[in-house]
């Protein structure tokens, strides 16, 4: 560091020398190759827990051999379980704590016992890594919270849109069937007006639980609007999808809640559609939404199937022809079917780091 930091604020040769000293210090940090400096440098490159654990495992293995690394934590009530390697009957386990907060349990396994000297190095390396692990846990918690509906605790509309795009991509690539059910509570505004918004929120939570109970573990339930729910069902066809939609509606009609104004119950309408090969997420959603509106128009408390996808909804072109022709010859009249592509990219975050003063209490609690 500069021999006299105050020289940085002084004009003339002293400032130039101080800046040169800082530059040498920065280069030294970048070039130092001892295990702790290298680990610290690498752990600041990501906020992804999986990537952080991979970096830690790689650096630790260069000085302390082990067979398996296990990291377990709970973030926003969701389990985090990262396993690297396999085997080992002896273990060395650490609870990671910083500033009174718990950030998971890291366990190392191998066939031979860990020597005291090895445990010392492991603890020193965890001391270097703990701030990055803390930041990643907080970032993961904020990311999960941004995708969760605060009333029902299920994924929200943003998570639904991401999942819908993902299923469309998989369906277009592999041809797998996937169903979409849109379910809307009937006359829900009157429930809020008569029984109050707190009772309305209880109905929404009960509805989320009822839908989850009526679907498979591989299906995902989302709250995508005030009283509207979306359900994505992989590997399902028309016949199965309508059965699930009716089962969901029947489960919702079984909801009975007590309130100061008397018992409360609701019904629901549903529309569903199976994604067509090459169909965009927007077109798929629109077909299911139109089916839901037909169910509402037909008296509510019923299920309607989406109309078949139209050719104008399809944006799939064989990869071999994509660069060769601006249109596709369609039908006997060789009518041009022009396609429009929309590129969806995740929004990039700005400065995602989590910073602040660190407390001094010990962060390691050996088991």
Protein backbone atom coordinates (compact mmCIF):
# COMPACT_ATOMS: atom_id res chain seq x y z
CA UNK A 1 0.00 0.00 0.00
CA UNK A 2 1.18 3.62 -0.31
CA UNK A 3 3.87 4.44 2.23
CA UNK A 4 1.84 7.50 3.16
CA UNK A 5 -1.86 7.31 2.10
CA UNK A 6 -2.32 11.04 2.67
CA UNK A 7 -0.02 11.55 -0.32
CA UNK A 8 -2.97 10.60 -2.54
CA UNK A 9 -4.56 13.95 -1.82
CA UNK A 10 -1.36 15.91 -2.33
CA UNK A 11 -0.37 17.32 -5.73
CA UNK A 12 2.97 16.62 -7.33
CA UNK A 13 5.43 13.69 -7.25
CA UNK A 14 4.17 12.35 -3.90
CA UNK A 15 0.71 11.66 -5.38
CA UNK A 16 2.21 10.00 -8.46
CA UNK A 17 4.30 7.70 -6.24
CA UNK A 18 1.27 6.86 -4.08
CA UNK A 19 -0.79 5.96 -7.17
CA UNK A 20 2.02 3.77 -8.45
CA UNK A 21 2.11 1.99 -5.08
CA UNK A 22 -1.64 1.34 -5.33
CA UNK A 23 -1.25 -0.07 -8.82
CA UNK A 24 1.45 -2.46 -7.62
CA UNK A 25 -0.81 -3.51 -4.74
CA UNK A 26 -3.65 -4.26 -7.15
CA UNK A 27 -1.39 -6.28 -9.44
CA UNK A 28 -0.05 -8.21 -6.45
CA UNK A 29 -3.62 -9.14 -5.44
CA UNK A 30 -4.35 -10.37 -8.96
CA UNK A 31 -1.12 -12.36 -9.23
CA UNK A 32 -0.80 -13.87 -5.76
CA UNK A 33 -1.38 -17.59 -6.04
CA UNK A 34 -1.55 -18.75 -2.44
CA UNK A 35 -4.65 -20.82 -1.72
CA UNK A 36 -6.43 -18.21 0.42
CA UNK A 37 -5.93 -15.28 -1.95
CA UNK A 38 -6.95 -17.39 -4.94
CA UNK A 39 -10.04 -18.70 -3.15
CA UNK A 40 -11.09 -15.21 -2.05
CA UNK A 41 -10.60 -13.90 -5.58
CA UNK A 42 -12.64 -16.69 -7.17
CA UNK A 43 -15.45 -16.64 -4.62
CA UNK A 44 -16.28 -13.04 -5.53
CA UNK A 45 -17.03 -13.94 -9.16
CA UNK A 46 -20.55 -15.38 -8.68
CA UNK A 47 -23.66 -15.27 -6.51
CA UNK A 48 -24.79 -18.77 -7.49
CA UNK A 49 -24.56 -21.22 -4.58
CA UNK A 50 -23.93 -24.21 -6.86
CA UNK A 51 -21.04 -22.43 -8.56
CA UNK A 52 -19.61 -21.21 -5.25
CA UNK A 53 -19.57 -24.72 -3.81
CA UNK A 54 -17.89 -26.04 -6.96
CA UNK A 55 -15.19 -23.36 -6.63
CA UNK A 56 -14.71 -24.10 -2.93
CA UNK A 57 -14.52 -27.85 -3.55
CA UNK A 58 -11.95 -27.40 -6.33
CA UNK A 59 -9.69 -25.14 -4.25
CA UNK A 60 -10.01 -27.23 -1.09
CA UNK A 61 -9.17 -30.44 -2.96
CA UNK A 62 -5.86 -28.90 -4.02
CA UNK A 63 -4.68 -28.90 -0.37
CA UNK A 64 -6.99 -31.29 1.55
CA UNK A 65 -8.18 -34.40 -0.31
CA UNK A 66 -11.78 -35.55 0.25
CA UNK A 67 -14.29 -37.84 -1.44
CA UNK A 68 -17.52 -35.86 -1.14
CA UNK A 69 -18.70 -32.37 -0.23
CA UNK A 70 -22.27 -31.83 0.93
CA UNK A 71 -23.91 -28.44 1.46
CA UNK A 72 -27.44 -28.22 2.85
CA UNK A 73 -29.51 -25.18 3.68
CA UNK A 74 -33.08 -23.87 3.58
CA UNK A 75 -33.79 -20.66 1.66
CA UNK A 76 -37.30 -19.18 1.75
CA UNK A 77 -38.63 -22.51 3.08
CA UNK A 78 -37.11 -24.30 0.07
CA UNK A 79 -34.36 -26.91 0.58
CA UNK A 80 -30.93 -26.39 -0.96
CA UNK A 81 -28.99 -29.63 -1.33
CA UNK A 82 -25.66 -29.56 -3.19
CA UNK A 83 -23.60 -32.75 -3.49
CA UNK A 84 -20.15 -32.89 -5.08
CA UNK A 85 -18.37 -36.26 -5.34
CA UNK A 86 -19.38 -39.47 -3.61
CA UNK A 87 -18.32 -41.94 -0.96
CA UNK A 88 -16.51 -41.58 2.35
CA UNK A 89 -17.46 -42.89 5.79
CA UNK A 90 -15.59 -40.35 7.94
CA UNK A 91 -16.97 -36.84 8.02
CA UNK A 92 -16.10 -33.34 9.12
CA UNK A 93 -19.17 -31.12 9.55
CA UNK A 94 -19.49 -27.37 10.02
CA UNK A 95 -22.45 -25.11 10.68
CA UNK A 96 -21.91 -21.83 8.83
CA UNK A 97 -22.90 -18.79 10.88
CA UNK A 98 -22.12 -15.11 10.55
CA UNK A 99 -23.47 -12.17 12.51
CA UNK A 100 -26.06 -14.34 14.24
CA UNK A 101 -27.43 -15.75 10.97
CA UNK A 102 -27.23 -19.36 9.85
CA UNK A 103 -26.12 -20.07 6.28
CA UNK A 104 -26.25 -23.83 6.07
CA UNK A 105 -24.20 -26.90 6.95
CA UNK A 106 -21.14 -28.00 4.99
CA UNK A 107 -19.93 -31.58 5.42
CA UNK A 108 -16.82 -33.26 4.01
CA UNK A 109 -16.53 -37.04 3.66
CA UNK A 110 -13.65 -39.38 2.95
CA UNK A 111 -12.40 -42.88 3.80
CA UNK A 112 -9.63 -41.67 6.16
CA UNK A 113 -10.08 -39.52 9.23
CA UNK A 114 -9.31 -35.84 8.89
CA UNK A 115 -6.18 -34.85 10.79
CA UNK A 116 -6.22 -31.85 13.13
CA UNK A 117 -3.94 -29.91 10.77
CA UNK A 118 -6.34 -30.58 7.88
CA UNK A 119 -9.32 -29.41 9.92
CA UNK A 120 -7.46 -26.19 10.71
CA UNK A 121 -6.94 -25.47 7.00
CA UNK A 122 -10.59 -26.34 6.23
CA UNK A 123 -11.77 -23.86 8.88
CA UNK A 124 -9.43 -21.17 7.59
CA UNK A 125 -10.71 -21.66 4.04
CA UNK A 126 -14.31 -21.51 5.25
CA UNK A 127 -13.38 -18.28 6.99
CA UNK A 128 -12.30 -16.94 3.63
CA UNK A 129 -15.47 -18.19 1.89
CA UNK A 130 -18.17 -17.40 4.46
CA UNK A 131 -18.89 -13.84 3.26
CA UNK A 132 -19.42 -15.01 -0.32
CA UNK A 133 -21.67 -17.85 0.89
CA UNK A 134 -23.66 -15.33 2.98
CA UNK A 135 -24.09 -13.03 -0.03
CA UNK A 136 -25.18 -15.93 -2.26
CA UNK A 137 -27.75 -17.11 0.31
CA UNK A 138 -29.23 -13.62 0.59
CA UNK A 139 -29.31 -13.21 -3.16
CA UNK A 140 -31.00 -16.60 -3.55
CA UNK A 141 -33.58 -15.62 -0.93
CA UNK A 142 -34.36 -12.36 -2.75
CA UNK A 143 -34.56 -14.17 -6.10
CA UNK A 144 -36.94 -16.80 -4.72
CA UNK A 145 -39.06 -14.13 -3.03
CA UNK A 146 -39.39 -12.26 -6.32
CA UNK A 147 -40.93 -15.40 -7.85
CA UNK A 148 -43.33 -16.16 -4.99
CA UNK A 149 -46.85 -14.88 -4.41
CA UNK A 150 -47.00 -13.33 -0.94
CA UNK A 151 -50.63 -14.33 -0.26
CA UNK A 152 -50.62 -18.00 -1.24
CA UNK A 153 -46.91 -18.87 -1.06
CA UNK A 154 -46.96 -20.45 -4.52
CA UNK A 155 -45.03 -19.20 -7.58
CA UNK A 156 -46.27 -15.93 -9.06
CA UNK A 157 -46.92 -14.65 -12.58
CA UNK A 158 -43.27 -13.91 -13.29
CA UNK A 159 -42.35 -17.49 -12.42
CA UNK A 160 -45.27 -18.69 -14.54
CA UNK A 161 -44.10 -16.78 -17.61
CA UNK A 162 -40.55 -18.14 -17.22
CA UNK A 163 -41.85 -21.69 -16.84
CA UNK A 164 -44.18 -21.34 -19.84
CA UNK A 165 -41.29 -20.23 -22.05
CA UNK A 166 -39.20 -23.12 -20.78
CA UNK A 167 -41.90 -25.70 -21.54
CA UNK A 168 -42.41 -24.22 -25.02
CA UNK A 169 -38.68 -24.52 -25.69
CA UNK A 170 -38.65 -28.15 -24.54
CA UNK A 171 -41.79 -28.97 -26.50
CA UNK A 172 -40.46 -27.44 -29.71
CA UNK A 173 -37.14 -29.23 -29.31
CA UNK A 174 -38.33 -32.68 -28.26
CA UNK A 175 -42.01 -32.75 -29.22
CA UNK A 176 -43.17 -33.50 -25.66
CA UNK A 177 -46.82 -32.83 -24.85
CA UNK A 178 -47.60 -30.26 -22.17
CA UNK A 179 -50.94 -29.02 -20.89
CA UNK A 180 -51.92 -25.59 -19.58
CA UNK A 181 -54.97 -25.08 -17.36
CA UNK A 182 -56.22 -21.61 -16.46
CA UNK A 183 -58.59 -21.62 -13.51
CA UNK A 184 -60.52 -18.59 -12.26
CA UNK A 185 -62.70 -18.33 -9.16
CA UNK A 186 -66.28 -17.37 -10.02
CA UNK A 187 -67.68 -14.09 -8.71
CA UNK A 188 -64.74 -13.67 -6.36
CA UNK A 189 -65.28 -9.91 -6.07
CA UNK A 190 -68.57 -10.56 -4.32
CA UNK A 191 -66.71 -12.76 -1.80
CA UNK A 192 -64.36 -9.89 -0.99
CA UNK A 193 -67.23 -7.40 -0.83
CA UNK A 194 -69.41 -9.56 1.44
CA UNK A 195 -66.87 -11.31 3.68
CA UNK A 196 -63.87 -8.97 3.53
CA UNK A 197 -60.42 -9.18 1.98
CA UNK A 198 -58.94 -11.23 4.83
CA UNK A 199 -61.50 -13.95 4.14
CA UNK A 200 -60.79 -13.57 0.44
CA UNK A 201 -57.10 -14.19 1.09
CA UNK A 202 -58.00 -17.31 3.09
CA UNK A 203 -60.01 -18.53 0.12
CA UNK A 204 -57.05 -17.93 -2.19
CA UNK A 205 -54.71 -19.89 0.09
CA UNK A 206 -57.21 -22.73 0.39
CA UNK A 207 -57.63 -22.73 -3.40
CA UNK A 208 -53.87 -23.02 -3.94
CA UNK A 209 -53.75 -26.00 -1.57
CA UNK A 210 -56.78 -27.60 -3.24
CA UNK A 211 -55.23 -27.30 -6.70
CA UNK A 212 -51.93 -28.74 -5.48
CA UNK A 213 -53.82 -31.64 -3.92
CA UNK A 214 -55.65 -32.32 -7.20
CA UNK A 215 -52.52 -32.37 -9.39
CA UNK A 216 -49.36 -34.46 -9.69
CA UNK A 217 -46.06 -33.68 -8.02
CA UNK A 218 -44.65 -32.95 -11.49
CA UNK A 219 -47.32 -30.30 -12.17
CA UNK A 220 -46.76 -26.71 -11.04
CA UNK A 221 -49.38 -24.30 -9.73
CA UNK A 222 -49.07 -20.51 -10.09
CA UNK A 223 -51.14 -17.54 -9.04
CA UNK A 224 -51.13 -15.35 -12.14
CA UNK A 225 -53.80 -12.79 -11.30
CA UNK A 226 -56.17 -11.67 -8.58
CA UNK A 227 -58.24 -14.88 -8.47
CA UNK A 228 -56.71 -16.65 -11.47
CA UNK A 229 -54.40 -19.64 -11.28
CA UNK A 230 -52.27 -21.28 -13.96
CA UNK A 231 -51.27 -24.93 -13.89
CA UNK A 232 -48.54 -26.34 -16.16
CA UNK A 233 -48.81 -30.11 -16.67
CA UNK A 234 -45.91 -31.80 -18.53
CA UNK A 235 -46.45 -35.01 -20.51
CA UNK A 236 -50.24 -34.90 -20.68
CA UNK A 237 -52.80 -35.06 -23.48
CA UNK A 238 -56.31 -33.67 -24.02
CA UNK A 239 -58.19 -36.51 -22.31
CA UNK A 240 -56.07 -36.44 -19.18
CA UNK A 241 -56.00 -32.65 -19.07
CA UNK A 242 -59.78 -32.23 -19.00
CA UNK A 243 -60.01 -34.82 -16.22
CA UNK A 244 -57.47 -32.87 -14.16
CA UNK A 245 -59.25 -29.57 -14.84
CA UNK A 246 -62.56 -31.02 -13.63
CA UNK A 247 -60.85 -32.57 -10.62
CA UNK A 248 -59.40 -29.15 -9.74
CA UNK A 249 -62.82 -27.49 -9.99
CA UNK A 250 -64.41 -30.20 -7.85
CA UNK A 251 -61.69 -29.77 -5.22
CA UNK A 252 -62.33 -26.02 -5.12
CA UNK A 253 -66.07 -26.52 -4.62
CA UNK A 254 -65.26 -28.59 -1.51
CA UNK A 255 -63.68 -25.59 0.19
CA UNK A 256 -65.69 -24.44 3.21
CA UNK A 257 -64.51 -21.63 5.45
CA UNK A 258 -66.16 -20.04 8.44
CA UNK A 259 -66.37 -16.27 8.72
CA UNK A 260 -68.12 -13.66 10.86
CA UNK A 261 -70.73 -13.35 8.10
CA UNK A 262 -71.32 -17.08 7.76
CA UNK A 263 -69.80 -20.01 5.82
CA UNK A 264 -67.95 -19.24 2.61
CA UNK A 265 -67.63 -21.40 -0.50
CA UNK A 266 -66.71 -20.77 -4.14
CA UNK A 267 -66.83 -22.36 -7.57
CA UNK A 268 -64.36 -22.06 -10.43
CA UNK A 269 -64.23 -22.03 -14.21
CA UNK A 270 -61.39 -23.54 -16.23
CA UNK A 271 -59.96 -23.46 -19.73
CA UNK A 272 -57.18 -25.68 -20.97
CA UNK A 273 -55.04 -26.32 -24.02
CA UNK A 274 -52.17 -28.55 -25.13
CA UNK A 275 -49.18 -26.77 -26.62
CA UNK A 276 -48.85 -27.31 -30.38
CA UNK A 277 -45.42 -28.04 -31.82
CA UNK A 278 -43.80 -24.72 -32.65
CA UNK A 279 -46.47 -22.63 -30.94
CA UNK A 280 -45.27 -19.60 -29.00
CA UNK A 281 -45.94 -19.20 -25.29
CA UNK A 282 -48.13 -16.16 -25.98
CA UNK A 283 -50.27 -18.02 -28.53
CA UNK A 284 -50.62 -21.05 -26.23
CA UNK A 285 -51.68 -18.88 -23.31
CA UNK A 286 -54.13 -16.96 -25.50
CA UNK A 287 -55.90 -20.17 -26.60
CA UNK A 288 -56.27 -21.38 -23.01
CA UNK A 289 -57.42 -17.92 -21.90
CA UNK A 290 -60.08 -17.82 -24.62
CA UNK A 291 -61.28 -21.25 -23.46
CA UNK A 292 -61.56 -19.88 -19.92
CA UNK A 293 -63.64 -16.96 -21.16
CA UNK A 294 -65.96 -19.39 -22.95
CA UNK A 295 -66.40 -21.27 -19.69
CA UNK A 296 -67.37 -18.00 -18.01
CA UNK A 297 -69.77 -17.13 -20.83
CA UNK A 298 -71.37 -20.59 -20.69
CA UNK A 299 -72.55 -20.10 -17.11
CA UNK A 300 -69.34 -20.57 -15.08
CA UNK A 301 -68.45 -23.62 -12.95
CA UNK A 302 -67.43 -25.61 -16.04
CA UNK A 303 -64.41 -26.54 -18.16
CA UNK A 304 -63.82 -25.67 -21.81
CA UNK A 305 -61.09 -26.88 -24.17
CA UNK A 306 -59.03 -24.48 -26.26
CA UNK A 307 -59.54 -24.32 -30.01
CA UNK A 308 -56.82 -26.00 -32.11
CA UNK A 309 -53.75 -23.88 -32.79
CA UNK A 310 -53.93 -21.94 -36.04
CA UNK A 311 -51.11 -21.98 -38.57
CA UNK A 312 -50.52 -18.29 -37.93
CA UNK A 313 -49.73 -19.19 -34.33
CA UNK A 314 -46.90 -21.49 -35.36
CA UNK A 315 -43.41 -20.06 -35.47
CA UNK A 316 -41.47 -23.25 -36.12
CA UNK A 317 -39.25 -23.58 -39.18
CA UNK A 318 -36.96 -26.49 -39.91
CA UNK A 319 -33.43 -25.42 -38.99
CA UNK A 320 -32.10 -26.43 -42.39
CA UNK A 321 -34.44 -23.96 -44.11
CA UNK A 322 -34.42 -21.13 -41.60
CA UNK A 323 -31.59 -19.25 -43.24
CA UNK A 324 -32.57 -20.03 -46.81
CA UNK A 325 -36.11 -18.76 -47.21
CA UNK A 326 -38.04 -15.83 -45.76
CA UNK A 327 -41.35 -17.66 -46.02
CA UNK A 328 -42.87 -21.13 -46.23
CA UNK A 329 -44.94 -22.37 -49.13
CA UNK A 330 -48.24 -23.33 -47.52
CA UNK A 331 -51.14 -25.22 -49.12
CA UNK A 332 -51.90 -25.82 -52.76
CA UNK A 333 -51.96 -22.11 -53.51
CA UNK A 334 -48.45 -21.68 -52.14
CA UNK A 335 -49.75 -18.97 -49.82
CA UNK A 336 -46.95 -17.32 -47.88
CA UNK A 337 -46.93 -18.00 -44.18
CA UNK A 338 -44.79 -15.31 -42.67
CA UNK A 339 -43.47 -15.91 -39.18
CA UNK A 340 -42.43 -13.47 -36.52
CA UNK A 341 -39.84 -14.35 -33.93
CA UNK A 342 -39.67 -12.84 -30.45
CA UNK A 343 -36.47 -13.31 -28.52
CA UNK A 344 -36.92 -13.55 -24.75
CA UNK A 345 -33.90 -12.93 -22.54
CA UNK A 346 -33.76 -12.78 -18.75
CA UNK A 347 -33.38 -9.29 -17.38
CA UNK A 348 -29.81 -8.67 -16.32
CA UNK A 349 -29.26 -7.50 -12.78
CA UNK A 350 -27.11 -4.55 -11.96
CA UNK A 351 -24.90 -4.62 -8.89
CA UNK A 352 -26.18 -7.80 -7.24
CA UNK A 353 -23.68 -7.84 -4.41
CA UNK A 354 -24.89 -7.84 -0.83
CA UNK A 355 -22.63 -5.78 1.36
CA UNK A 356 -22.48 -4.28 4.79
CA UNK A 357 -20.51 -4.50 8.00
CA UNK A 358 -19.74 -8.00 9.20
CA UNK A 359 -20.12 -9.00 12.80
CA UNK A 360 -17.15 -10.50 14.60
CA UNK A 361 -18.64 -13.57 16.38
CA UNK A 362 -17.33 -16.98 15.22
CA UNK A 363 -19.05 -18.36 12.15
CA UNK A 364 -18.05 -21.99 12.54
CA UNK A 365 -19.71 -24.46 14.86
CA UNK A 366 -17.99 -27.83 14.42
CA UNK A 367 -20.48 -30.64 15.06
